[in-house]
Amino acid sequence: MSHDRSSRIPLSQPRNRKDIQEVVDATDLGANSWAWALAPRLAQFTAVARHEHVTRAAQELGMPQPTLSRAIVRLEEDLGVALFARHGRTLSLTPAGRAFLASAERMLTDLDRATETVRADADPAAGKVAFGFLHTLGSETVPGLIRSFRADHPRVRFQLVQNYGEAMIERLRAGDLDLCLTSPVPDYPDLVARRLDEQKLRLVVPDDHPLARRKRIRLAEAAGELFVTLEPGYGLRRITDALCAEAGFTPRVAFEGEEAETLRGLVAAGLGVALLPPPAVPRPGVAELTVTAPRAVREIGVAWLDGHQDTPPVAAFKKFLLSRRGVLLPR
């Protein structure tokens, strides 16, 4: 972003608190803001305030005493207030100086914490991976993956997010996630995606349904049934609609939900039938039929933002996920 230099007010011109706030708001902490101008001098000011002596503060900071003295004078000129009262070689904080010191110390503490956080997140042995995954992968697949990965990387931390595919892709783009497991495998120019595995989908019917005695079924035979499905925007919903269209019909939807196991429960209650991946644990009240036509599967893939530089723990976990091609899901 460019700035009109002619509109700048010199920092050495005294200002009051209202002037300072207007400048910060107007520039949004850009090159003309007080934060931009004062940040390098906060540590110098706090050192002098702590020692109440410029020479001792300069020794601590490893800089010449005259340079530090000039920096403090310039800081007071920029603010338009006296931060210190001079008593020979020693100094003491004025009321304005004490007020400014409290804010300066908070800002420096926040900066230290932020620095430690980002350094820790990038630590190859103990960093953080922000990882998203589908609800249907949360009971077995993801816990198993993390358990296996942490056998060799025991100190890596995970920030886990369960959501549907499109929501996770938006969080990838926003920088909230490093990687996500999703379905269908996305195809967007700003993302990199790799297919890892596929999962068979079954037609789930109530156990007292006439179709429950069958082991296999063509999806076209369910054209007259009511379906319970995930809401539009979910990957499994798009796959369901596409498979039904391939089978020659549009499903009549009795309920739209947000979680596959809720749908399985509603099937058991007789509300309709559903196309779902296998459950982690068999659920009573339903029968699960193999769909022979069309081929009813969903592909599971890992995606990340193209051009995004991985921290060492993210790179290690990405390599681990790619090594699970074909064996990602329980068989």
C-alpha atoms as a PDB file:
ATOM      1  CA  MET A   1       0.000   0.000   0.000  1.00  0.00           C
ATOM      2  CA  SER A   2       1.362   3.445  -0.922  1.00  0.00           C
ATOM      3  CA  HIS A   3       1.082   6.493   1.322  1.00  0.00           C
ATOM      4  CA  ASP A   4       0.933  10.178   0.432  1.00  0.00           C
ATOM      5  CA  ARG A   5       4.040  11.587   2.114  1.00  0.00           C
ATOM      6  CA  SER A   6       2.661  15.136   1.859  1.00  0.00           C
ATOM      7  CA  SER A   7      -0.149  14.234   4.265  1.00  0.00           C
ATOM      8  CA  ARG A   8       2.165  13.068   7.065  1.00  0.00           C
ATOM      9  CA  ILE A   9       2.428  15.067  10.275  1.00  0.00           C
ATOM     10  CA  PRO A  10       6.047  15.074  11.537  1.00  0.00           C
ATOM     11  CA  LEU A  11       6.451  12.775  14.529  1.00  0.00           C
ATOM     12  CA  SER A  12       8.340  15.434  16.424  1.00  0.00           C
ATOM     13  CA  GLN A  13       5.235  17.659  16.506  1.00  0.00           C
ATOM     14  CA  PRO A  14       3.487  17.467  19.916  1.00  0.00           C
ATOM     15  CA  ARG A  15       0.075  15.812  19.854  1.00  0.00           C
ATOM     16  CA  ASN A  16      -2.611  15.106  22.396  1.00  0.00           C
ATOM     17  CA  ARG A  17      -4.266  11.717  23.078  1.00  0.00           C
ATOM     18  CA  LYS A  18      -7.115  12.413  20.626  1.00  0.00           C
ATOM     19  CA  ASP A  19      -4.625  13.219  17.854  1.00  0.00           C
ATOM     20  CA  ILE A  20      -2.758   9.955  18.521  1.00  0.00           C
ATOM     21  CA  GLN A  21      -5.945   7.854  18.356  1.00  0.00           C
ATOM     22  CA  GLU A  22      -7.027   9.523  15.120  1.00  0.00           C
ATOM     23  CA  VAL A  23      -3.664   8.778  13.496  1.00  0.00           C
ATOM     24  CA  VAL A  24      -3.727   5.115  14.587  1.00  0.00           C
ATOM     25  CA  ASP A  25      -7.289   4.683  13.352  1.00  0.00           C
ATOM     26  CA  ALA A  26      -6.635   6.456  10.074  1.00  0.00           C
ATOM     27  CA  THR A  27      -3.524   4.504   9.136  1.00  0.00           C
ATOM     28  CA  ASP A  28      -4.532   1.120  10.589  1.00  0.00           C
ATOM     29  CA  LEU A  29      -1.062   0.650  12.115  1.00  0.00           C
ATOM     30  CA  GLY A  30       0.663   1.418   8.828  1.00  0.00           C
ATOM     31  CA  ALA A  31       3.889   3.302   8.209  1.00  0.00           C
ATOM     32  CA  ASN A  32       2.425   6.594   9.482  1.00  0.00           C
ATOM     33  CA  SER A  33       1.086   5.213  12.757  1.00  0.00           C
ATOM     34  CA  TRP A  34       2.403   5.743  16.274  1.00  0.00           C
ATOM     35  CA  ALA A  35       2.778   1.979  16.726  1.00  0.00           C
ATOM     36  CA  TRP A  36       5.055   1.820  13.688  1.00  0.00           C
ATOM     37  CA  ALA A  37       7.154   4.748  14.865  1.00  0.00           C
ATOM     38  CA  LEU A  38       7.419   3.891  18.552  1.00  0.00           C
ATOM     39  CA  ALA A  39       7.728   0.098  18.578  1.00  0.00           C
ATOM     40  CA  PRO A  40      11.549   0.004  18.159  1.00  0.00           C
ATOM     41  CA  ARG A  41      11.969   2.387  21.117  1.00  0.00           C
ATOM     42  CA  LEU A  42       9.708   0.679  23.655  1.00  0.00           C
ATOM     43  CA  ALA A  43      12.453  -1.635  24.907  1.00  0.00           C
ATOM     44  CA  GLN A  44      14.812   1.326  25.282  1.00  0.00           C
ATOM     45  CA  PHE A  45      12.240   3.295  27.257  1.00  0.00           C
ATOM     46  CA  THR A  46      11.390   0.400  29.575  1.00  0.00           C
ATOM     47  CA  ALA A  47      15.079  -0.279  30.264  1.00  0.00           C
ATOM     48  CA  VAL A  48      15.670   3.338  31.276  1.00  0.00           C
ATOM     49  CA  ALA A  49      12.493   3.301  33.379  1.00  0.00           C
ATOM     50  CA  ARG A  50      13.616   0.114  35.146  1.00  0.00           C
ATOM     51  CA  HIS A  51      17.129   1.390  35.966  1.00  0.00           C
ATOM     52  CA  GLU A  52      16.215   5.079  36.352  1.00  0.00           C
ATOM     53  CA  HIS A  53      19.679   5.637  34.946  1.00  0.00           C
ATOM     54  CA  VAL A  54      20.623   6.043  31.273  1.00  0.00           C
ATOM     55  CA  THR A  55      24.171   4.694  31.571  1.00  0.00           C
ATOM     56  CA  ARG A  56      23.129   1.462  33.283  1.00  0.00           C
ATOM     57  CA  ALA A  57      20.279   1.003  30.801  1.00  0.00           C
ATOM     58  CA  ALA A  58      22.671   1.549  27.886  1.00  0.00           C
ATOM     59  CA  GLN A  59      25.021  -1.107  29.303  1.00  0.00           C
ATOM     60  CA  GLU A  60      22.137  -3.580  29.537  1.00  0.00           C
ATOM     61  CA  LEU A  61      21.031  -2.840  25.981  1.00  0.00           C
ATOM     62  CA  GLY A  62      24.580  -2.926  24.609  1.00  0.00           C
ATOM     63  CA  MET A  63      24.393   0.519  23.022  1.00  0.00           C
ATOM     64  CA  PRO A  64      26.271   3.820  23.533  1.00  0.00           C
ATOM     65  CA  GLN A  65      24.912   5.983  26.329  1.00  0.00           C
ATOM     66  CA  PRO A  66      24.652   9.137  24.125  1.00  0.00           C
ATOM     67  CA  THR A  67      22.645   7.209  21.538  1.00  0.00           C
ATOM     68  CA  LEU A  68      20.183   6.025  24.172  1.00  0.00           C
ATOM     69  CA  SER A  69      19.919   9.522  25.678  1.00  0.00           C
ATOM     70  CA  ARG A  70      19.075  10.990  22.278  1.00  0.00           C
ATOM     71  CA  ALA A  71      16.511   8.233  21.656  1.00  0.00           C
ATOM     72  CA  ILE A  72      14.710   9.005  24.910  1.00  0.00           C
ATOM     73  CA  VAL A  73      14.708  12.744  24.228  1.00  0.00           C
ATOM     74  CA  ARG A  74      13.365  12.127  20.725  1.00  0.00           C
ATOM     75  CA  LEU A  75      10.658   9.849  22.142  1.00  0.00           C
ATOM     76  CA  GLU A  76       9.513  12.589  24.513  1.00  0.00           C
ATOM     77  CA  GLU A  77       9.553  15.119  21.680  1.00  0.00           C
ATOM     78  CA  ASP A  78       7.498  12.814  19.476  1.00  0.00           C
ATOM     79  CA  LEU A  79       4.922  12.273  22.210  1.00  0.00           C
ATOM     80  CA  GLY A  80       4.926  15.891  23.262  1.00  0.00           C
ATOM     81  CA  VAL A  81       5.199  14.971  26.973  1.00  0.00           C
ATOM     82  CA  ALA A  82       7.995  14.531  29.492  1.00  0.00           C
ATOM     83  CA  LEU A  83       8.324  10.873  30.442  1.00  0.00           C
ATOM     84  CA  PHE A  84      11.180  11.408  32.904  1.00  0.00           C
ATOM     85  CA  ALA A  85      12.162  14.001  35.474  1.00  0.00           C
ATOM     86  CA  ARG A  86      15.951  14.506  35.489  1.00  0.00           C
ATOM     87  CA  HIS A  87      17.883  14.544  38.788  1.00  0.00           C
ATOM     88  CA  GLY A  88      21.515  14.828  37.829  1.00  0.00           C
ATOM     89  CA  ARG A  89      22.609  11.412  36.528  1.00  0.00           C
ATOM     90  CA  THR A  90      19.396   9.713  37.631  1.00  0.00           C
ATOM     91  CA  LEU A  91      15.851   9.913  36.306  1.00  0.00           C
ATOM     92  CA  SER A  92      12.391   9.233  37.664  1.00  0.00           C
ATOM     93  CA  LEU A  93       9.151   8.630  35.806  1.00  0.00           C
ATOM     94  CA  THR A  94       6.643  11.423  35.533  1.00  0.00           C
ATOM     95  CA  PRO A  95       2.922  10.555  35.863  1.00  0.00           C
ATOM     96  CA  ALA A  96       2.761  10.438  32.067  1.00  0.00           C
ATOM     97  CA  GLY A  97       5.835   8.188  32.037  1.00  0.00           C
ATOM     98  CA  ARG A  98       4.257   5.760  34.514  1.00  0.00           C
ATOM     99  CA  ALA A  99       1.102   5.546  32.398  1.00  0.00           C
ATOM    100  CA  PHE A 100       3.146   5.002  29.237  1.00  0.00           C
ATOM    101  CA  LEU A 101       5.339   2.381  30.939  1.00  0.00           C
ATOM    102  CA  ALA A 102       2.362   0.215  31.882  1.00  0.00           C
ATOM    103  CA  SER A 103       1.188   0.092  28.248  1.00  0.00           C
ATOM    104  CA  ALA A 104       4.721  -0.385  26.898  1.00  0.00           C
ATOM    105  CA  GLU A 105       5.340  -3.358  29.204  1.00  0.00           C
ATOM    106  CA  ARG A 106       2.052  -4.990  28.143  1.00  0.00           C
ATOM    107  CA  MET A 107       2.925  -4.567  24.484  1.00  0.00           C
ATOM    108  CA  LEU A 108       6.413  -5.999  24.905  1.00  0.00           C
ATOM    109  CA  THR A 109       5.048  -8.928  26.929  1.00  0.00           C
ATOM    110  CA  ASP A 110       2.459  -9.656  24.218  1.00  0.00           C
ATOM    111  CA  LEU A 111       5.192  -9.507  21.577  1.00  0.00           C
ATOM    112  CA  ASP A 112       7.366 -11.928  23.568  1.00  0.00           C
ATOM    113  CA  ARG A 113       4.455 -14.355  23.911  1.00  0.00           C
ATOM    114  CA  ALA A 114       3.580 -14.132  20.234  1.00  0.00           C
ATOM    115  CA  THR A 115       7.212 -14.731  19.275  1.00  0.00           C
ATOM    116  CA  GLU A 116       7.499 -17.750  21.552  1.00  0.00           C
ATOM    117  CA  THR A 117       4.236 -19.143  20.169  1.00  0.00           C
ATOM    118  CA  VAL A 118       5.237 -18.947  16.514  1.00  0.00           C
ATOM    119  CA  ARG A 119       8.708 -20.304  17.280  1.00  0.00           C
ATOM    120  CA  ALA A 120       7.213 -23.207  19.223  1.00  0.00           C
ATOM    121  CA  ASP A 121       4.722 -23.942  16.434  1.00  0.00           C
ATOM    122  CA  ALA A 122       7.602 -24.230  13.958  1.00  0.00           C
ATOM    123  CA  ASP A 123       9.724 -26.448  16.222  1.00  0.00           C
ATOM    124  CA  PRO A 124      10.352 -29.678  14.266  1.00  0.00           C
ATOM    125  CA  ALA A 125      10.018 -31.772  17.421  1.00  0.00           C
ATOM    126  CA  ALA A 126       7.259 -29.955  19.290  1.00  0.00           C
ATOM    127  CA  GLY A 127       5.471 -27.718  16.792  1.00  0.00           C
ATOM    128  CA  LYS A 128       1.803 -27.511  15.907  1.00  0.00           C
ATOM    129  CA  VAL A 129      -0.270 -28.873  13.011  1.00  0.00           C
ATOM    130  CA  ALA A 130      -3.695 -27.338  12.330  1.00  0.00           C
ATOM    131  CA  PHE A 131      -5.577 -30.271  10.814  1.00  0.00           C
ATOM    132  CA  GLY A 132      -9.158 -30.466   9.582  1.00  0.00           C
ATOM    133  CA  PHE A 133     -11.207 -33.565   8.815  1.00  0.00           C
ATOM    134  CA  LEU A 134     -14.716 -34.743   8.019  1.00  0.00           C
ATOM    135  CA  HIS A 135     -17.065 -35.749  10.836  1.00  0.00           C
ATOM    136  CA  THR A 136     -17.251 -39.280   9.451  1.00  0.00           C
ATOM    137  CA  LEU A 137     -13.479 -39.689   9.827  1.00  0.00           C
ATOM    138  CA  GLY A 138     -13.425 -38.595  13.451  1.00  0.00           C
ATOM    139  CA  SER A 139     -14.217 -41.800  15.321  1.00  0.00           C
ATOM    140  CA  GLU A 140     -11.549 -44.142  13.950  1.00  0.00           C
ATOM    141  CA  THR A 141      -9.519 -42.827  11.036  1.00  0.00           C
ATOM    142  CA  VAL A 142      -8.132 -39.575  12.446  1.00  0.00           C
ATOM    143  CA  PRO A 143      -7.384 -40.894  15.952  1.00  0.00           C
ATOM    144  CA  GLY A 144      -5.529 -43.810  14.360  1.00  0.00           C
ATOM    145  CA  LEU A 145      -3.537 -41.495  12.113  1.00  0.00           C
ATOM    146  CA  ILE A 146      -2.501 -39.224  14.951  1.00  0.00           C
ATOM    147  CA  ARG A 147      -1.586 -42.168  17.184  1.00  0.00           C
ATOM    148  CA  SER A 148       0.631 -43.639  14.460  1.00  0.00           C
ATOM    149  CA  PHE A 149       2.266 -40.317  13.608  1.00  0.00           C
ATOM    150  CA  ARG A 150       3.005 -39.435  17.216  1.00  0.00           C
ATOM    151  CA  ALA A 151       4.773 -42.736  17.754  1.00  0.00           C
ATOM    152  CA  ASP A 152       7.686 -41.092  15.906  1.00  0.00           C
ATOM    153  CA  HIS A 153       6.819 -37.449  16.727  1.00  0.00           C
ATOM    154  CA  PRO A 154       5.568 -37.598  20.313  1.00  0.00           C
ATOM    155  CA  ARG A 155       5.839 -33.860  21.034  1.00  0.00           C
ATOM    156  CA  VAL A 156       4.019 -32.521  17.971  1.00  0.00           C
ATOM    157  CA  ARG A 157       0.755 -30.820  18.947  1.00  0.00           C
ATOM    158  CA  PHE A 158      -2.456 -30.868  16.913  1.00  0.00           C
ATOM    159  CA  GLN A 159      -5.136 -28.242  16.564  1.00  0.00           C
ATOM    160  CA  LEU A 160      -8.057 -30.311  15.266  1.00  0.00           C
ATOM    161  CA  VAL A 161     -11.113 -29.039  13.398  1.00  0.00           C
ATOM    162  CA  GLN A 162     -14.093 -31.211  12.436  1.00  0.00           C
ATOM    163  CA  ASN A 163     -16.235 -29.773   9.664  1.00  0.00           C
ATOM    164  CA  TYR A 164     -17.676 -30.375   6.222  1.00  0.00           C
ATOM    165  CA  GLY A 165     -15.529 -30.049   3.135  1.00  0.00           C
ATOM    166  CA  GLU A 166     -16.299 -26.562   1.845  1.00  0.00           C
ATOM    167  CA  ALA A 167     -15.964 -25.032   5.313  1.00  0.00           C
ATOM    168  CA  MET A 168     -12.525 -26.595   5.729  1.00  0.00           C
ATOM    169  CA  ILE A 169     -11.419 -25.329   2.318  1.00  0.00           C
ATOM    170  CA  GLU A 170     -12.369 -21.801   3.343  1.00  0.00           C
ATOM    171  CA  ARG A 171     -10.341 -22.230   6.533  1.00  0.00           C
ATOM    172  CA  LEU A 172      -7.371 -23.429   4.460  1.00  0.00           C
ATOM    173  CA  ARG A 173      -7.629 -20.257   2.404  1.00  0.00           C
ATOM    174  CA  ALA A 174      -7.883 -18.130   5.532  1.00  0.00           C
ATOM    175  CA  GLY A 175      -4.738 -19.717   6.958  1.00  0.00           C
ATOM    176  CA  ASP A 176      -6.577 -21.360   9.870  1.00  0.00           C
ATOM    177  CA  LEU A 177      -5.697 -24.882   8.700  1.00  0.00           C
ATOM    178  CA  ASP A 178      -2.481 -26.395   7.371  1.00  0.00           C
ATOM    179  CA  LEU A 179      -4.041 -29.574   5.955  1.00  0.00           C
ATOM    180  CA  CYS A 180      -7.443 -31.195   5.713  1.00  0.00           C
ATOM    181  CA  LEU A 181      -8.918 -34.595   4.870  1.00  0.00           C
ATOM    182  CA  THR A 182     -11.985 -34.099   2.736  1.00  0.00           C
ATOM    183  CA  SER A 183     -14.302 -35.566   0.124  1.00  0.00           C
ATOM    184  CA  PRO A 184     -14.781 -35.188  -2.778  1.00  0.00           C
ATOM    185  CA  VAL A 185     -11.134 -34.445  -3.514  1.00  0.00           C
ATOM    186  CA  PRO A 186     -11.174 -30.697  -4.293  1.00  0.00           C
ATOM    187  CA  ASP A 187     -10.124 -29.322  -7.658  1.00  0.00           C
ATOM    188  CA  TYR A 188      -9.347 -25.628  -7.248  1.00  0.00           C
ATOM    189  CA  PRO A 189      -6.425 -23.699  -8.755  1.00  0.00           C
ATOM    190  CA  ASP A 190      -5.329 -22.292  -5.394  1.00  0.00           C
ATOM    191  CA  LEU A 191      -5.200 -25.697  -3.678  1.00  0.00           C
ATOM    192  CA  VAL A 192      -3.082 -28.812  -3.972  1.00  0.00           C
ATOM    193  CA  ALA A 193      -4.999 -32.041  -3.370  1.00  0.00           C
ATOM    194  CA  ARG A 194      -3.972 -35.694  -3.423  1.00  0.00           C
ATOM    195  CA  ARG A 195      -6.283 -38.693  -3.453  1.00  0.00           C
ATOM    196  CA  LEU A 196      -5.506 -41.038  -0.561  1.00  0.00           C
ATOM    197  CA  ASP A 197      -8.226 -43.666  -0.479  1.00  0.00           C
ATOM    198  CA  GLU A 198     -11.813 -44.466  -1.314  1.00  0.00           C
ATOM    199  CA  GLN A 199     -14.708 -45.557   0.851  1.00  0.00           C
ATOM    200  CA  LYS A 200     -17.662 -47.670  -0.244  1.00  0.00           C
ATOM    201  CA  LEU A 201     -21.087 -46.189   0.382  1.00  0.00           C
ATOM    202  CA  ARG A 202     -24.005 -48.371   1.422  1.00  0.00           C
ATOM    203  CA  LEU A 203     -27.739 -47.975   1.158  1.00  0.00           C
ATOM    204  CA  VAL A 204     -28.914 -47.942   4.766  1.00  0.00           C
ATOM    205  CA  VAL A 205     -32.546 -48.975   5.361  1.00  0.00           C
ATOM    206  CA  PRO A 206     -34.623 -49.691   8.511  1.00  0.00           C
ATOM    207  CA  ASP A 207     -34.249 -53.290   9.658  1.00  0.00           C
ATOM    208  CA  ASP A 208     -37.996 -53.863   9.196  1.00  0.00           C
ATOM    209  CA  HIS A 209     -37.982 -52.480   5.640  1.00  0.00           C
ATOM    210  CA  PRO A 210     -38.812 -54.918   2.794  1.00  0.00           C
ATOM    211  CA  LEU A 211     -35.352 -54.257   1.334  1.00  0.00           C
ATOM    212  CA  ALA A 212     -33.645 -55.205   4.600  1.00  0.00           C
ATOM    213  CA  ARG A 213     -33.621 -58.887   3.598  1.00  0.00           C
ATOM    214  CA  ARG A 214     -31.378 -58.066   0.640  1.00  0.00           C
ATOM    215  CA  LYS A 215     -27.580 -58.052   0.694  1.00  0.00           C
ATOM    216  CA  ARG A 216     -27.127 -56.121  -2.537  1.00  0.00           C
ATOM    217  CA  ILE A 217     -29.172 -53.612  -4.462  1.00  0.00           C
ATOM    218  CA  ARG A 218     -29.072 -51.439  -7.531  1.00  0.00           C
ATOM    219  CA  LEU A 219     -29.613 -47.854  -6.472  1.00  0.00           C
ATOM    220  CA  ALA A 220     -32.383 -47.441  -9.068  1.00  0.00           C
ATOM    221  CA  GLU A 221     -34.488 -49.851  -6.975  1.00  0.00           C
ATOM    222  CA  ALA A 222     -34.619 -47.186  -4.229  1.00  0.00           C
ATOM    223  CA  ALA A 223     -36.026 -44.503  -6.530  1.00  0.00           C
ATOM    224  CA  GLY A 224     -39.398 -44.566  -4.757  1.00  0.00           C
ATOM    225  CA  GLU A 225     -37.957 -44.211  -1.254  1.00  0.00           C
ATOM    226  CA  LEU A 226     -37.683 -41.120   0.912  1.00  0.00           C
ATOM    227  CA  PHE A 227     -34.055 -40.196   1.624  1.00  0.00           C
ATOM    228  CA  VAL A 228     -32.443 -38.612   4.640  1.00  0.00           C
ATOM    229  CA  THR A 229     -29.323 -36.733   3.562  1.00  0.00           C
ATOM    230  CA  LEU A 230     -26.763 -34.205   4.642  1.00  0.00           C
ATOM    231  CA  GLU A 231     -27.442 -30.550   3.917  1.00  0.00           C
ATOM    232  CA  PRO A 232     -26.522 -28.990   0.560  1.00  0.00           C
ATOM    233  CA  GLY A 233     -22.852 -27.990   0.531  1.00  0.00           C
ATOM    234  CA  TYR A 234     -21.678 -31.181   2.223  1.00  0.00           C
ATOM    235  CA  GLY A 235     -19.528 -33.418   0.046  1.00  0.00           C
ATOM    236  CA  LEU A 236     -21.551 -36.558   0.827  1.00  0.00           C
ATOM    237  CA  ARG A 237     -24.728 -34.749  -0.232  1.00  0.00           C
ATOM    238  CA  ARG A 238     -23.192 -33.886  -3.605  1.00  0.00           C
ATOM    239  CA  ILE A 239     -22.110 -37.501  -4.047  1.00  0.00           C
ATOM    240  CA  THR A 240     -25.594 -38.768  -3.096  1.00  0.00           C
ATOM    241  CA  ASP A 241     -27.281 -36.452  -5.589  1.00  0.00           C
ATOM    242  CA  ALA A 242     -24.804 -37.426  -8.323  1.00  0.00           C
ATOM    243  CA  LEU A 243     -25.214 -41.183  -7.734  1.00  0.00           C
ATOM    244  CA  CYS A 244     -29.004 -40.919  -7.723  1.00  0.00           C
ATOM    245  CA  ALA A 245     -28.881 -38.913 -10.956  1.00  0.00           C
ATOM    246  CA  GLU A 246     -26.658 -41.593 -12.487  1.00  0.00           C
ATOM    247  CA  ALA A 247     -29.227 -44.168 -11.373  1.00  0.00           C
ATOM    248  CA  GLY A 248     -31.938 -42.192 -13.172  1.00  0.00           C
ATOM    249  CA  PHE A 249     -33.818 -40.366 -10.411  1.00  0.00           C
ATOM    250  CA  THR A 250     -33.810 -37.363  -8.107  1.00  0.00           C
ATOM    251  CA  PRO A 251     -34.088 -38.356  -4.444  1.00  0.00           C
ATOM    252  CA  ARG A 252     -37.097 -37.191  -2.468  1.00  0.00           C
ATOM    253  CA  VAL A 253     -35.599 -35.743   0.689  1.00  0.00           C
ATOM    254  CA  ALA A 254     -37.390 -36.184   4.021  1.00  0.00           C
ATOM    255  CA  PHE A 255     -34.662 -34.645   6.190  1.00  0.00           C
ATOM    256  CA  GLU A 256     -31.376 -32.778   5.774  1.00  0.00           C
ATOM    257  CA  GLY A 257     -28.838 -33.031   8.588  1.00  0.00           C
ATOM    258  CA  GLU A 258     -25.242 -32.213   9.456  1.00  0.00           C
ATOM    259  CA  GLU A 259     -23.845 -35.517  10.709  1.00  0.00           C
ATOM    260  CA  ALA A 260     -23.888 -39.025   9.217  1.00  0.00           C
ATOM    261  CA  GLU A 261     -24.604 -40.941  12.416  1.00  0.00           C
ATOM    262  CA  THR A 262     -27.663 -38.764  13.041  1.00  0.00           C
ATOM    263  CA  LEU A 263     -28.909 -39.824   9.632  1.00  0.00           C
ATOM    264  CA  ARG A 264     -28.302 -43.477  10.495  1.00  0.00           C
ATOM    265  CA  GLY A 265     -30.388 -43.037  13.646  1.00  0.00           C
ATOM    266  CA  LEU A 266     -33.201 -41.443  11.667  1.00  0.00           C
ATOM    267  CA  VAL A 267     -33.111 -44.361   9.217  1.00  0.00           C
ATOM    268  CA  ALA A 268     -33.519 -46.718  12.202  1.00  0.00           C
ATOM    269  CA  ALA A 269     -36.525 -44.637  13.243  1.00  0.00           C
ATOM    270  CA  GLY A 270     -38.123 -45.247   9.843  1.00  0.00           C
ATOM    271  CA  LEU A 271     -37.824 -41.714   8.458  1.00  0.00           C
ATOM    272  CA  GLY A 272     -36.212 -42.833   5.217  1.00  0.00           C
ATOM    273  CA  VAL A 273     -33.157 -44.468   3.657  1.00  0.00           C
ATOM    274  CA  ALA A 274     -29.658 -43.046   3.210  1.00  0.00           C
ATOM    275  CA  LEU A 275     -26.400 -43.487   1.323  1.00  0.00           C
ATOM    276  CA  LEU A 276     -23.708 -43.561   3.997  1.00  0.00           C
ATOM    277  CA  PRO A 277     -20.145 -44.749   4.619  1.00  0.00           C
ATOM    278  CA  PRO A 278     -19.725 -47.740   6.958  1.00  0.00           C
ATOM    279  CA  PRO A 279     -20.187 -46.966  10.658  1.00  0.00           C
ATOM    280  CA  ALA A 280     -17.339 -47.243  13.129  1.00  0.00           C
ATOM    281  CA  VAL A 281     -19.548 -49.516  15.246  1.00  0.00           C
ATOM    282  CA  PRO A 282     -22.546 -51.479  13.856  1.00  0.00           C
ATOM    283  CA  ARG A 283     -25.791 -49.748  14.750  1.00  0.00           C
ATOM    284  CA  PRO A 284     -28.913 -51.711  15.653  1.00  0.00           C
ATOM    285  CA  GLY A 285     -32.148 -50.989  13.834  1.00  0.00           C
ATOM    286  CA  VAL A 286     -30.717 -50.744  10.320  1.00  0.00           C
ATOM    287  CA  ALA A 287     -29.598 -52.970   7.474  1.00  0.00           C
ATOM    288  CA  GLU A 288     -26.718 -51.880   5.234  1.00  0.00           C
ATOM    289  CA  LEU A 289     -26.853 -53.003   1.616  1.00  0.00           C
ATOM    290  CA  THR A 290     -24.030 -53.110  -0.911  1.00  0.00           C
ATOM    291  CA  VAL A 291     -24.846 -50.925  -3.924  1.00  0.00           C
ATOM    292  CA  THR A 292     -23.945 -52.799  -7.110  1.00  0.00           C
ATOM    293  CA  ALA A 293     -24.777 -50.031  -9.606  1.00  0.00           C
ATOM    294  CA  PRO A 294     -23.703 -47.358 -10.051  1.00  0.00           C
ATOM    295  CA  ARG A 295     -20.358 -47.751  -8.326  1.00  0.00           C
ATOM    296  CA  ALA A 296     -21.033 -46.065  -4.987  1.00  0.00           C
ATOM    297  CA  VAL A 297     -17.802 -44.804  -3.441  1.00  0.00           C
ATOM    298  CA  ARG A 298     -16.433 -41.540  -2.189  1.00  0.00           C
ATOM    299  CA  GLU A 299     -12.806 -40.542  -2.601  1.00  0.00           C
ATOM    300  CA  ILE A 300     -10.941 -39.190   0.421  1.00  0.00           C
ATOM    301  CA  GLY A 301      -8.056 -36.805  -0.171  1.00  0.00           C
ATOM    302  CA  VAL A 302      -5.717 -34.426   1.614  1.00  0.00           C
ATOM    303  CA  ALA A 303      -5.606 -30.775   0.569  1.00  0.00           C
ATOM    304  CA  TRP A 304      -3.453 -27.766   1.352  1.00  0.00           C
ATOM    305  CA  LEU A 305      -3.014 -24.219   0.097  1.00  0.00           C
ATOM    306  CA  ASP A 306      -0.784 -23.990  -2.952  1.00  0.00           C
ATOM    307  CA  GLY A 307       2.425 -22.047  -2.355  1.00  0.00           C
ATOM    308  CA  HIS A 308       2.069 -22.084   1.424  1.00  0.00           C
ATOM    309  CA  GLN A 309       5.402 -22.753   3.148  1.00  0.00           C
ATOM    310  CA  ASP A 310       5.129 -25.651   5.584  1.00  0.00           C
ATOM    311  CA  THR A 311       6.665 -25.604   9.032  1.00  0.00           C
ATOM    312  CA  PRO A 312       8.742 -28.731   9.773  1.00  0.00           C
ATOM    313  CA  PRO A 313       5.943 -30.490  11.752  1.00  0.00           C
ATOM    314  CA  VAL A 314       3.391 -29.785   9.002  1.00  0.00           C
ATOM    315  CA  ALA A 315       5.797 -31.092   6.353  1.00  0.00           C
ATOM    316  CA  ALA A 316       6.364 -34.245   8.399  1.00  0.00           C
ATOM    317  CA  PHE A 317       2.644 -34.876   8.877  1.00  0.00           C
ATOM    318  CA  LYS A 318       1.919 -34.211   5.199  1.00  0.00           C
ATOM    319  CA  LYS A 319       4.580 -36.746   4.211  1.00  0.00           C
ATOM    320  CA  PHE A 320       3.038 -39.223   6.664  1.00  0.00           C
ATOM    321  CA  LEU A 321      -0.461 -38.756   5.199  1.00  0.00           C
ATOM    322  CA  LEU A 322       0.794 -39.215   1.637  1.00  0.00           C
ATOM    323  CA  SER A 323       2.476 -42.454   2.731  1.00  0.00           C
ATOM    324  CA  ARG A 324      -1.004 -43.763   3.689  1.00  0.00           C
ATOM    325  CA  ARG A 325      -2.279 -43.877   0.116  1.00  0.00           C
ATOM    326  CA  GLY A 326      -4.539 -46.883  -0.243  1.00  0.00           C
ATOM    327  CA  VAL A 327      -4.399 -47.744   3.454  1.00  0.00           C
ATOM    328  CA  LEU A 328      -5.858 -44.606   5.006  1.00  0.00           C
ATOM    329  CA  LEU A 329      -9.202 -46.138   5.950  1.00  0.00           C
ATOM    330  CA  PRO A 330      -9.897 -49.209   8.085  1.00  0.00           C
ATOM    331  CA  ARG A 331     -10.723 -52.258   6.019  1.00  0.00           C
END
